[in-house]
Amino acid sequence: MGRNFLSCDRERDLEMPQDVREWLPPEHLCWKVLDVVEELDLSAFEDSYRGDGRGGTAYAPASLIALLLYCYSKGVRSYRPMRTDARSP
């Protein structure tokens, strides 16, 4: 049984707009951050989660690290503004 992560499917069709990639322009910082995180070896983070699928569902470490890097690159260092940034383009 695998780890119990919440899924993050950026290819999934949504109701508005149809493609998540249409929400932000291609040169937006978030896409650059996602590209960098994709290149990182996050196995140490992933291995620290239970492998038996038990316990609460967690966000994938790549998603959380991407959010931290994105916010830090914008000068946001505290939780509440990060939460706001995560909800707005």
N, C-alpha and C. Protein backbone atom coordinates (compact mmCIF):
# COMPACT_ATOMS: atom_id res chain seq x y z
N MET A 1 0.84 -1.17 0.00
CA MET A 1 0.00 0.00 0.00
C MET A 1 0.89 1.24 0.00
N GLY A 2 0.53 2.26 -0.76
CA GLY A 2 1.36 3.45 -0.89
C GLY A 2 1.09 4.50 0.16
N ARG A 3 1.82 5.58 0.05
CA ARG A 3 1.64 6.70 0.98
C ARG A 3 0.30 7.36 0.72
N ASN A 4 -0.23 8.01 1.72
CA ASN A 4 -1.56 8.58 1.65
C ASN A 4 -1.48 10.09 1.42
N PHE A 5 -1.16 10.51 0.16
CA PHE A 5 -1.07 11.92 -0.20
C PHE A 5 -2.34 12.37 -0.89
N LEU A 6 -2.71 13.64 -0.69
CA LEU A 6 -3.78 14.23 -1.49
C LEU A 6 -3.26 14.37 -2.91
N SER A 7 -4.09 14.11 -3.88
CA SER A 7 -3.63 14.21 -5.26
C SER A 7 -3.63 15.66 -5.72
N CYS A 8 -2.73 15.96 -6.61
CA CYS A 8 -2.64 17.29 -7.21
C CYS A 8 -2.48 17.10 -8.71
N ASP A 9 -3.58 17.08 -9.41
CA ASP A 9 -3.57 16.80 -10.84
C ASP A 9 -3.72 18.10 -11.61
N ARG A 10 -2.61 18.65 -12.10
CA ARG A 10 -2.65 19.91 -12.84
C ARG A 10 -3.14 19.73 -14.26
N GLU A 11 -3.29 18.50 -14.70
CA GLU A 11 -3.78 18.21 -16.05
C GLU A 11 -5.30 18.02 -16.08
N ARG A 12 -5.92 17.98 -14.92
CA ARG A 12 -7.34 17.69 -14.81
C ARG A 12 -8.18 18.83 -15.38
N ASP A 13 -9.26 18.48 -16.06
CA ASP A 13 -10.19 19.47 -16.56
C ASP A 13 -11.03 20.00 -15.41
N LEU A 14 -11.21 21.30 -15.37
CA LEU A 14 -12.02 21.94 -14.34
C LEU A 14 -13.16 22.70 -15.01
N GLU A 15 -14.08 23.19 -14.20
CA GLU A 15 -15.23 23.87 -14.76
C GLU A 15 -14.89 25.24 -15.31
N MET A 16 -14.00 25.99 -14.67
CA MET A 16 -13.62 27.31 -15.18
C MET A 16 -12.21 27.66 -14.80
N PRO A 17 -11.38 28.06 -15.65
CA PRO A 17 -11.37 27.68 -17.05
C PRO A 17 -11.08 26.19 -17.19
N GLN A 18 -11.22 25.69 -18.38
CA GLN A 18 -11.07 24.25 -18.60
C GLN A 18 -9.68 23.74 -18.23
N ASP A 19 -8.66 24.52 -18.46
CA ASP A 19 -7.29 24.08 -18.23
C ASP A 19 -6.66 24.95 -17.15
N VAL A 20 -6.08 24.32 -16.13
CA VAL A 20 -5.45 25.06 -15.03
C VAL A 20 -4.36 25.98 -15.56
N ARG A 21 -3.69 25.58 -16.61
CA ARG A 21 -2.60 26.40 -17.17
C ARG A 21 -3.10 27.71 -17.76
N GLU A 22 -4.41 27.84 -17.97
CA GLU A 22 -4.97 29.09 -18.48
C GLU A 22 -5.17 30.13 -17.37
N TRP A 23 -5.06 29.73 -16.13
CA TRP A 23 -5.26 30.66 -15.02
C TRP A 23 -4.15 31.70 -14.94
N LEU A 24 -2.95 31.27 -15.26
CA LEU A 24 -1.79 32.15 -15.15
C LEU A 24 -1.02 32.17 -16.47
N PRO A 25 -0.39 33.29 -16.81
CA PRO A 25 0.39 33.34 -18.03
C PRO A 25 1.60 32.40 -17.95
N PRO A 26 2.10 31.96 -19.08
CA PRO A 26 3.22 30.99 -19.08
C PRO A 26 4.48 31.50 -18.39
N GLU A 27 4.68 32.80 -18.34
CA GLU A 27 5.90 33.35 -17.72
C GLU A 27 5.74 33.61 -16.23
N HIS A 28 4.60 33.23 -15.66
CA HIS A 28 4.35 33.48 -14.23
C HIS A 28 5.35 32.71 -13.37
N LEU A 29 5.73 33.33 -12.26
CA LEU A 29 6.70 32.76 -11.34
C LEU A 29 6.32 31.36 -10.86
N CYS A 30 5.04 31.11 -10.69
CA CYS A 30 4.62 29.81 -10.14
C CYS A 30 5.06 28.65 -11.04
N TRP A 31 5.03 28.83 -12.36
CA TRP A 31 5.45 27.76 -13.26
C TRP A 31 6.95 27.51 -13.15
N LYS A 32 7.71 28.57 -12.95
CA LYS A 32 9.16 28.41 -12.79
C LYS A 32 9.48 27.66 -11.49
N VAL A 33 8.76 28.00 -10.43
CA VAL A 33 8.96 27.32 -9.14
C VAL A 33 8.60 25.84 -9.28
N LEU A 34 7.49 25.55 -9.93
CA LEU A 34 7.09 24.15 -10.12
C LEU A 34 8.13 23.37 -10.92
N ASP A 35 8.73 24.02 -11.93
CA ASP A 35 9.79 23.37 -12.71
C ASP A 35 11.00 23.05 -11.84
N VAL A 36 11.38 23.99 -10.96
CA VAL A 36 12.53 23.77 -10.08
C VAL A 36 12.24 22.63 -9.10
N VAL A 37 11.07 22.65 -8.49
CA VAL A 37 10.71 21.62 -7.51
C VAL A 37 10.67 20.24 -8.17
N GLU A 38 10.24 20.20 -9.41
CA GLU A 38 10.19 18.93 -10.14
C GLU A 38 11.58 18.30 -10.27
N GLU A 39 12.61 19.12 -10.28
CA GLU A 39 13.99 18.64 -10.43
C GLU A 39 14.61 18.20 -9.10
N LEU A 40 14.00 18.55 -7.97
CA LEU A 40 14.56 18.23 -6.66
C LEU A 40 14.35 16.76 -6.29
N ASP A 41 15.28 16.23 -5.54
CA ASP A 41 15.14 14.89 -4.99
C ASP A 41 14.46 15.02 -3.63
N LEU A 42 13.18 14.70 -3.57
CA LEU A 42 12.40 14.86 -2.35
C LEU A 42 12.18 13.52 -1.63
N SER A 43 12.97 12.53 -1.97
CA SER A 43 12.77 11.20 -1.41
C SER A 43 12.93 11.19 0.12
N ALA A 44 13.80 12.03 0.67
CA ALA A 44 13.97 12.07 2.12
C ALA A 44 12.68 12.54 2.80
N PHE A 45 12.01 13.52 2.19
CA PHE A 45 10.73 13.98 2.74
C PHE A 45 9.67 12.88 2.60
N GLU A 46 9.58 12.32 1.41
CA GLU A 46 8.55 11.31 1.14
C GLU A 46 8.73 10.07 1.99
N ASP A 47 9.99 9.70 2.25
CA ASP A 47 10.26 8.50 3.04
C ASP A 47 9.90 8.68 4.51
N SER A 48 9.74 9.92 4.96
CA SER A 48 9.39 10.15 6.35
C SER A 48 7.90 9.92 6.61
N TYR A 49 7.11 9.76 5.56
CA TYR A 49 5.68 9.48 5.71
C TYR A 49 5.47 7.97 5.82
N ARG A 50 4.40 7.61 6.47
CA ARG A 50 4.07 6.19 6.59
C ARG A 50 3.82 5.60 5.21
N GLY A 51 4.33 4.42 4.99
CA GLY A 51 4.17 3.76 3.71
C GLY A 51 3.00 2.80 3.65
N ASP A 52 2.29 2.62 4.77
CA ASP A 52 1.22 1.63 4.78
C ASP A 52 -0.15 2.23 4.44
N GLY A 53 -0.19 3.55 4.14
CA GLY A 53 -1.45 4.17 3.76
C GLY A 53 -2.35 4.54 4.92
N ARG A 54 -1.92 4.22 6.13
CA ARG A 54 -2.75 4.54 7.31
C ARG A 54 -2.50 5.99 7.72
N GLY A 55 -3.45 6.54 8.45
CA GLY A 55 -3.31 7.92 8.91
C GLY A 55 -4.04 8.87 7.98
N GLY A 56 -4.02 10.12 8.34
CA GLY A 56 -4.70 11.14 7.55
C GLY A 56 -4.01 11.38 6.21
N THR A 57 -4.78 11.87 5.28
CA THR A 57 -4.24 12.20 3.97
C THR A 57 -3.39 13.45 4.07
N ALA A 58 -2.23 13.43 3.45
CA ALA A 58 -1.30 14.56 3.51
C ALA A 58 -1.11 15.16 2.13
N TYR A 59 -0.73 16.42 2.12
CA TYR A 59 -0.33 17.04 0.85
C TYR A 59 1.04 16.47 0.48
N ALA A 60 1.28 16.32 -0.79
CA ALA A 60 2.57 15.84 -1.26
C ALA A 60 3.65 16.86 -0.89
N PRO A 61 4.81 16.40 -0.46
CA PRO A 61 5.89 17.32 -0.10
C PRO A 61 6.24 18.29 -1.23
N ALA A 62 6.16 17.85 -2.47
CA ALA A 62 6.49 18.74 -3.60
C ALA A 62 5.55 19.94 -3.64
N SER A 63 4.27 19.73 -3.35
CA SER A 63 3.31 20.83 -3.35
C SER A 63 3.62 21.84 -2.24
N LEU A 64 3.96 21.34 -1.06
CA LEU A 64 4.25 22.22 0.06
C LEU A 64 5.55 22.99 -0.14
N ILE A 65 6.55 22.32 -0.67
CA ILE A 65 7.84 22.98 -0.93
C ILE A 65 7.67 24.03 -2.02
N ALA A 66 6.89 23.72 -3.05
CA ALA A 66 6.63 24.70 -4.11
C ALA A 66 5.94 25.93 -3.54
N LEU A 67 4.97 25.74 -2.66
CA LEU A 67 4.28 26.87 -2.05
C LEU A 67 5.25 27.71 -1.22
N LEU A 68 6.10 27.05 -0.41
CA LEU A 68 7.08 27.79 0.39
C LEU A 68 8.05 28.58 -0.49
N LEU A 69 8.59 27.94 -1.52
CA LEU A 69 9.53 28.63 -2.41
C LEU A 69 8.87 29.80 -3.13
N TYR A 70 7.65 29.60 -3.58
CA TYR A 70 6.92 30.66 -4.27
C TYR A 70 6.71 31.86 -3.34
N CYS A 71 6.23 31.60 -2.14
CA CYS A 71 5.99 32.69 -1.18
C CYS A 71 7.29 33.36 -0.75
N TYR A 72 8.31 32.56 -0.46
CA TYR A 72 9.59 33.14 -0.05
C TYR A 72 10.16 34.02 -1.16
N SER A 73 10.01 33.61 -2.41
CA SER A 73 10.54 34.40 -3.52
C SER A 73 9.80 35.72 -3.69
N LYS A 74 8.57 35.78 -3.16
CA LYS A 74 7.80 37.03 -3.19
C LYS A 74 7.98 37.83 -1.91
N GLY A 75 8.81 37.35 -0.99
CA GLY A 75 9.07 38.06 0.26
C GLY A 75 8.07 37.76 1.36
N VAL A 76 7.23 36.76 1.15
CA VAL A 76 6.22 36.39 2.16
C VAL A 76 6.82 35.32 3.05
N ARG A 77 6.87 35.59 4.36
CA ARG A 77 7.54 34.67 5.27
C ARG A 77 6.65 34.13 6.38
N SER A 78 5.41 34.61 6.48
CA SER A 78 4.56 34.13 7.58
C SER A 78 3.34 33.41 7.03
N TYR A 79 2.73 32.60 7.90
CA TYR A 79 1.69 31.67 7.48
C TYR A 79 0.46 32.34 6.87
N ARG A 80 -0.09 33.33 7.53
CA ARG A 80 -1.36 33.91 7.04
C ARG A 80 -1.23 34.53 5.66
N PRO A 81 -0.21 35.33 5.41
CA PRO A 81 -0.07 35.83 4.03
C PRO A 81 0.19 34.71 3.02
N MET A 82 0.89 33.65 3.46
CA MET A 82 1.10 32.52 2.55
C MET A 82 -0.25 31.88 2.18
N ARG A 83 -1.09 31.76 3.16
CA ARG A 83 -2.42 31.17 2.93
C ARG A 83 -3.19 32.02 1.93
N THR A 84 -3.11 33.32 2.06
CA THR A 84 -3.78 34.23 1.12
C THR A 84 -3.18 34.09 -0.27
N ASP A 85 -1.85 34.04 -0.37
CA ASP A 85 -1.19 33.90 -1.67
C ASP A 85 -1.55 32.58 -2.34
N ALA A 86 -1.74 31.55 -1.55
CA ALA A 86 -2.06 30.24 -2.12
C ALA A 86 -3.45 30.24 -2.75
N ARG A 87 -4.28 31.14 -2.36
CA ARG A 87 -5.65 31.17 -2.87
C ARG A 87 -5.86 32.19 -3.98
N SER A 88 -4.87 33.03 -4.27
CA SER A 88 -5.05 34.04 -5.31
C SER A 88 -3.89 33.97 -6.30
N PRO A 89 -4.15 34.27 -7.57
CA PRO A 89 -3.08 34.22 -8.59
C PRO A 89 -2.07 35.32 -8.44
